[in-house]
Amino acid sequence: MTENKNRQWILNARPAGKLTGEEFLWNEAPIPQSSDGQVLIRTLWLSVDPAQRIWMARDSYKPAVPLGNVMQSFAVGQVIESCHPDFKPGDLVRGDFSWQDYLVTDGKGFGGMQKVAPDTPPNLALSLFGVNGLTSYFGMIEIGKIKAGETVVVSGAAGATGSVAGQIAKIKGCRVIGTAGGKDKCAWLVNKAHFDAAIDYKSEDVGARLSELCPNGIDVFFDNVGGEVLNEVLARINVNAHRAVRLDLEIRRRHAAARPGKLLQSGG
């Protein structure tokens, strides 16, 4: 803390179309001071997720980032000073710490604040062991209730959440088909993530390929995208095993509230 400054990226304008960089302003502020019940955290790893594009633009499962505030994001940081009984200097923690070097928090903000488990690489605390992995796990295990031998379809399967969800289904003995955009992504799903098959929605007829790959119907659908893929899958869902999981918003909201449960449709 020798430089005595806190570098920040401020959200300056709502995005319209693709981001240009003009949406943000660089700012340097004094390093904040912790008080009773708070900790001072030095940010080590920041996440940049597709959901943040929504946070910039509008209210969703959390209020939109206010203009003039530091851009919000999940992050891993180290406790530098502590006036909180549950945390001590040196602890690695995960939370909504935003795009800045330092912050003070009582850990009660969006998603709370959790200690990173010992020997966990900080970057994995933001992915496999963070919101992506938890969304995948609870979506497949608690909501989808997957069983060995079932046919599972995952949309957005090459993404951070879909790829983990598909691998969980494979570990549980399911037959897994993923949809993704582009031949390279589809090849990665089959060759690296070990999906049973992949459909390139950019160059293939999704409905025809689903009928070909799932002649006995679909038991569980883990949906990240909605739209045409959702419609095609729902037309082929086995009625007696109808467990379509729509989770781009709702499971994340429930994770943030630390109350994972039985939600299937977000309306988002």
Protein backbone atom coordinates (compact mmCIF):
# COMPACT_ATOMS: atom_id res chain seq x y z
CA MET A 1 0.00 0.00 0.00
CA THR A 2 3.01 2.24 -0.37
CA GLU A 3 1.53 4.14 -3.34
CA ASN A 4 -1.56 4.98 -1.27
CA LYS A 5 -3.95 4.86 -4.20
CA ASN A 6 -6.82 2.69 -5.30
CA ARG A 7 -7.08 2.22 -9.08
CA GLN A 8 -10.65 1.82 -10.31
CA TRP A 9 -12.74 1.48 -13.45
CA ILE A 10 -15.96 3.50 -13.17
CA LEU A 11 -19.11 2.73 -15.17
CA ASN A 12 -19.71 5.99 -17.00
CA ALA A 13 -22.43 5.14 -19.56
CA ARG A 14 -24.93 2.41 -20.35
CA PRO A 15 -23.77 0.27 -23.29
CA ALA A 16 -25.58 0.46 -26.61
CA GLY A 17 -24.58 -2.45 -28.81
CA LYS A 18 -20.99 -3.66 -28.61
CA LEU A 19 -18.78 -2.21 -25.91
CA THR A 20 -16.38 0.46 -27.14
CA GLY A 21 -14.45 1.24 -23.96
CA GLU A 22 -16.12 4.62 -23.72
CA GLU A 23 -18.48 3.13 -21.14
CA PHE A 24 -15.73 3.31 -18.52
CA LEU A 25 -13.64 5.96 -16.82
CA TRP A 26 -10.28 5.39 -15.11
CA ASN A 27 -10.11 6.71 -11.56
CA GLU A 28 -7.54 6.80 -8.78
CA ALA A 29 -8.85 7.22 -5.24
CA PRO A 30 -7.35 6.95 -1.75
CA ILE A 31 -7.16 3.46 -0.25
CA PRO A 32 -10.24 3.13 2.01
CA GLN A 33 -10.00 2.53 5.75
CA SER A 34 -11.80 -0.34 7.49
CA SER A 35 -13.96 0.16 10.58
CA ASP A 36 -15.72 -2.13 13.05
CA GLY A 37 -17.15 -5.22 11.35
CA GLN A 38 -15.26 -4.61 8.11
CA VAL A 39 -12.17 -5.89 6.32
CA LEU A 40 -9.81 -4.17 3.90
CA ILE A 41 -9.19 -6.38 0.88
CA ARG A 42 -6.52 -6.21 -1.81
CA THR A 43 -7.95 -7.60 -5.05
CA LEU A 44 -5.86 -10.33 -6.70
CA TRP A 45 -8.12 -11.81 -9.41
CA LEU A 46 -11.09 -10.24 -11.21
CA SER A 47 -13.71 -12.07 -13.23
CA VAL A 48 -15.02 -10.81 -16.55
CA ASP A 49 -18.28 -12.64 -17.26
CA PRO A 50 -21.00 -12.32 -19.92
CA ALA A 51 -23.49 -11.50 -17.14
CA GLN A 52 -21.66 -8.25 -16.50
CA ARG A 53 -22.92 -6.95 -19.83
CA ILE A 54 -26.44 -7.23 -18.39
CA TRP A 55 -25.39 -5.64 -15.10
CA MET A 56 -24.14 -2.60 -17.03
CA ALA A 57 -27.37 -2.16 -18.96
CA ARG A 58 -30.38 -2.96 -16.77
CA ASP A 59 -31.85 -4.51 -13.67
CA SER A 60 -31.84 -8.32 -13.72
CA TYR A 61 -31.39 -10.71 -10.81
CA LYS A 62 -29.48 -7.80 -9.26
CA PRO A 63 -29.90 -4.06 -9.74
CA ALA A 64 -27.98 -2.48 -12.61
CA VAL A 65 -24.62 -0.99 -11.70
CA PRO A 66 -25.30 2.70 -10.92
CA LEU A 67 -23.58 5.13 -13.26
CA GLY A 68 -20.61 6.72 -11.53
CA ASN A 69 -19.92 3.61 -9.44
CA VAL A 70 -17.04 1.18 -9.72
CA MET A 71 -17.86 -1.58 -12.22
CA GLN A 72 -19.03 -4.62 -10.29
CA SER A 73 -17.56 -8.10 -10.64
CA PHE A 74 -16.79 -11.17 -8.64
CA ALA A 75 -13.20 -11.29 -7.46
CA VAL A 76 -10.73 -13.03 -5.18
CA GLY A 77 -8.68 -10.91 -2.82
CA GLN A 78 -6.53 -11.07 0.30
CA VAL A 79 -7.53 -9.56 3.63
CA ILE A 80 -5.02 -6.82 4.48
CA GLU A 81 -6.66 -5.44 7.62
CA SER A 82 -9.53 -6.91 9.62
CA CYS A 83 -11.99 -5.49 12.11
CA HIS A 84 -14.28 -8.48 11.53
CA PRO A 85 -14.30 -11.45 13.93
CA ASP A 86 -14.58 -14.07 11.16
CA PHE A 87 -11.62 -12.93 9.03
CA LYS A 88 -7.96 -12.30 9.70
CA PRO A 89 -5.13 -10.69 7.68
CA GLY A 90 -3.84 -13.09 5.05
CA ASP A 91 -7.19 -14.83 4.42
CA LEU A 92 -8.08 -15.31 0.75
CA VAL A 93 -11.74 -14.44 0.15
CA ARG A 94 -14.19 -14.34 -2.74
CA GLY A 95 -17.00 -11.86 -3.27
CA ASP A 96 -18.43 -9.01 -5.34
CA PHE A 97 -15.38 -6.76 -4.98
CA SER A 98 -15.57 -4.84 -8.28
CA TRP A 99 -12.88 -3.59 -10.69
CA GLN A 100 -10.54 -1.94 -8.22
CA ASP A 101 -7.38 -2.63 -6.23
CA TYR A 102 -8.81 -2.21 -2.73
CA LEU A 103 -12.17 -2.16 -0.98
CA VAL A 104 -13.67 -2.34 2.48
CA THR A 105 -16.65 -4.58 3.10
CA ASP A 106 -18.62 -6.25 5.86
CA GLY A 107 -19.25 -9.23 3.58
CA LYS A 108 -23.02 -8.66 3.38
CA GLY A 109 -23.21 -7.46 -0.23
CA PHE A 110 -24.42 -9.33 -3.31
CA GLY A 111 -23.39 -12.98 -3.05
CA GLY A 112 -21.77 -12.50 0.36
CA MET A 113 -18.10 -13.13 1.05
CA GLN A 114 -16.55 -16.57 1.46
CA LYS A 115 -13.11 -17.80 2.39
CA VAL A 116 -11.29 -19.60 -0.41
CA ALA A 117 -10.65 -23.21 0.61
CA PRO A 118 -6.99 -24.04 1.37
CA ASP A 119 -4.90 -25.07 -1.64
CA THR A 120 -7.57 -23.82 -4.09
CA PRO A 121 -6.02 -21.78 -6.93
CA PRO A 122 -7.60 -18.30 -6.76
CA ASN A 123 -8.63 -18.36 -10.43
CA LEU A 124 -10.57 -21.61 -9.88
CA ALA A 125 -12.39 -19.96 -6.98
CA LEU A 126 -13.96 -17.72 -9.64
CA SER A 127 -14.84 -20.48 -12.10
CA LEU A 128 -15.00 -24.19 -11.27
CA PHE A 129 -15.43 -23.50 -7.54
CA GLY A 130 -17.26 -20.20 -8.05
CA VAL A 131 -20.62 -19.17 -9.44
CA ASN A 132 -20.12 -21.12 -12.70
CA GLY A 133 -19.37 -24.41 -10.99
CA LEU A 134 -22.09 -23.96 -8.36
CA THR A 135 -24.66 -23.09 -11.03
CA SER A 136 -23.67 -26.20 -12.98
CA TYR A 137 -23.72 -28.47 -9.95
CA PHE A 138 -27.05 -27.40 -8.48
CA GLY A 139 -28.64 -27.15 -11.92
CA MET A 140 -27.73 -30.70 -12.83
CA ILE A 141 -27.87 -32.46 -9.47
CA GLU A 142 -30.61 -30.74 -7.47
CA ILE A 143 -32.88 -29.38 -10.19
CA GLY A 144 -32.19 -31.60 -13.17
CA LYS A 145 -31.86 -34.67 -10.91
CA ILE A 146 -29.87 -36.45 -13.62
CA LYS A 147 -29.62 -40.23 -13.62
CA ALA A 148 -27.18 -42.58 -15.29
CA GLY A 149 -28.28 -43.55 -18.79
CA GLU A 150 -30.34 -40.41 -19.41
CA THR A 151 -29.92 -38.17 -22.45
CA VAL A 152 -28.93 -34.64 -21.49
CA VAL A 153 -28.70 -31.63 -23.80
CA VAL A 154 -26.71 -28.52 -22.83
CA SER A 155 -26.97 -25.24 -24.75
CA GLY A 156 -24.12 -22.75 -24.65
CA ALA A 157 -22.10 -25.88 -23.92
CA ALA A 158 -18.65 -24.44 -24.64
CA GLY A 159 -19.11 -21.63 -22.15
CA ALA A 160 -17.84 -21.47 -18.58
CA THR A 161 -21.07 -22.83 -17.08
CA GLY A 162 -22.29 -25.15 -19.84
CA SER A 163 -18.98 -26.95 -20.20
CA VAL A 164 -18.89 -27.79 -16.49
CA ALA A 165 -22.55 -28.83 -16.49
CA GLY A 166 -21.95 -31.24 -19.36
CA GLN A 167 -18.92 -32.79 -17.69
CA ILE A 168 -20.88 -33.29 -14.46
CA ALA A 169 -23.55 -35.12 -16.47
CA LYS A 170 -20.88 -37.32 -18.09
CA ILE A 171 -19.39 -38.17 -14.69
CA LYS A 172 -22.87 -39.21 -13.56
CA GLY A 173 -23.18 -41.60 -16.50
CA CYS A 174 -25.42 -39.59 -18.82
CA ARG A 175 -25.25 -39.31 -22.59
CA VAL A 176 -24.53 -35.62 -23.25
CA ILE A 177 -25.08 -33.51 -26.37
CA GLY A 178 -24.00 -29.88 -26.45
CA THR A 179 -24.85 -26.97 -28.74
CA ALA A 180 -22.26 -24.29 -29.49
CA GLY A 181 -21.42 -21.74 -32.14
CA GLY A 182 -18.63 -22.81 -34.48
CA LYS A 183 -16.75 -25.93 -35.52
CA ASP A 184 -13.80 -25.29 -33.20
CA LYS A 185 -16.04 -25.08 -30.13
CA CYS A 186 -17.89 -28.23 -31.13
CA ALA A 187 -14.62 -30.09 -31.67
CA TRP A 188 -13.43 -28.99 -28.24
CA LEU A 189 -16.64 -30.27 -26.64
CA VAL A 190 -16.20 -33.73 -28.13
CA ASN A 191 -12.42 -34.11 -28.01
CA LYS A 192 -11.55 -32.30 -24.77
CA ALA A 193 -14.70 -32.12 -22.64
CA HIS A 194 -15.76 -35.60 -23.81
CA PHE A 195 -19.35 -34.76 -24.73
CA ASP A 196 -20.92 -37.56 -26.77
CA ALA A 197 -21.82 -35.16 -29.60
CA ALA A 198 -22.01 -31.45 -30.41
CA ILE A 199 -24.27 -29.41 -32.69
CA ASP A 200 -23.03 -26.25 -34.38
CA TYR A 201 -26.08 -24.02 -34.33
CA LYS A 202 -24.40 -21.63 -36.78
CA SER A 203 -24.06 -24.14 -39.60
CA GLU A 204 -26.37 -27.05 -38.75
CA ASP A 205 -30.12 -27.56 -38.53
CA VAL A 206 -30.53 -27.83 -34.75
CA GLY A 207 -33.89 -29.58 -34.88
CA ALA A 208 -32.80 -32.16 -37.45
CA ARG A 209 -29.58 -32.90 -35.56
CA LEU A 210 -31.42 -33.28 -32.25
CA SER A 211 -33.82 -35.75 -33.86
CA GLU A 212 -30.86 -37.68 -35.25
CA LEU A 213 -28.85 -37.71 -32.02
CA CYS A 214 -31.77 -38.17 -29.61
CA PRO A 215 -34.13 -40.68 -31.30
CA ASN A 216 -35.61 -41.65 -27.94
CA GLY A 217 -36.12 -38.07 -26.80
CA ILE A 218 -34.38 -35.83 -24.27
CA ASP A 219 -34.56 -36.34 -20.53
CA VAL A 220 -32.88 -33.21 -19.17
CA PHE A 221 -32.14 -29.88 -20.82
CA PHE A 222 -29.66 -27.48 -19.24
CA ASP A 223 -30.40 -24.20 -21.02
CA ASN A 224 -28.13 -21.16 -21.12
CA VAL A 225 -29.48 -19.37 -24.19
CA GLY A 226 -33.23 -19.76 -24.84
CA GLY A 227 -34.58 -18.94 -28.30
CA GLU A 228 -34.58 -21.45 -31.15
CA VAL A 229 -32.52 -24.07 -29.32
CA LEU A 230 -34.94 -24.02 -26.37
CA ASN A 231 -37.93 -24.46 -28.70
CA GLU A 232 -36.33 -27.35 -30.57
CA VAL A 233 -35.38 -29.16 -27.38
CA LEU A 234 -38.77 -28.71 -25.73
CA ALA A 235 -40.36 -30.31 -28.79
CA ARG A 236 -38.31 -33.43 -28.05
CA ILE A 237 -38.41 -33.57 -24.24
CA ASN A 238 -39.63 -36.89 -22.85
CA VAL A 239 -42.92 -36.03 -21.15
CA ASN A 240 -42.40 -38.40 -18.22
CA ALA A 241 -38.95 -36.95 -17.52
CA HIS A 242 -39.68 -33.31 -18.28
CA ARG A 243 -36.88 -31.56 -16.39
CA ALA A 244 -35.83 -28.61 -18.50
CA VAL A 245 -33.47 -26.41 -16.52
CA ARG A 246 -33.61 -22.72 -17.45
CA LEU A 247 -30.85 -21.18 -15.46
CA ASP A 248 -29.18 -18.16 -16.97
CA LEU A 249 -30.70 -15.89 -14.32
CA GLU A 250 -32.57 -17.72 -11.60
CA ILE A 251 -30.02 -20.19 -10.26
CA ARG A 252 -27.49 -17.38 -10.08
CA ARG A 253 -29.99 -15.30 -8.10
CA ARG A 254 -30.59 -18.19 -5.72
CA HIS A 255 -26.87 -18.80 -5.36
CA ALA A 256 -26.42 -15.14 -4.53
CA ALA A 257 -29.04 -15.49 -1.81
CA ALA A 258 -27.38 -18.74 -0.64
CA ARG A 259 -30.69 -20.54 -1.05
CA PRO A 260 -30.33 -23.01 -3.94
CA GLY A 261 -33.64 -24.67 -4.62
CA LYS A 262 -36.27 -25.74 -7.05
CA LEU A 263 -36.45 -23.07 -9.63
CA LEU A 264 -36.85 -23.95 -13.29
CA GLN A 265 -37.93 -20.82 -15.15
CA SER A 266 -36.47 -17.37 -14.84
CA GLY A 267 -38.58 -15.43 -17.30
CA GLY A 268 -35.38 -13.59 -18.24
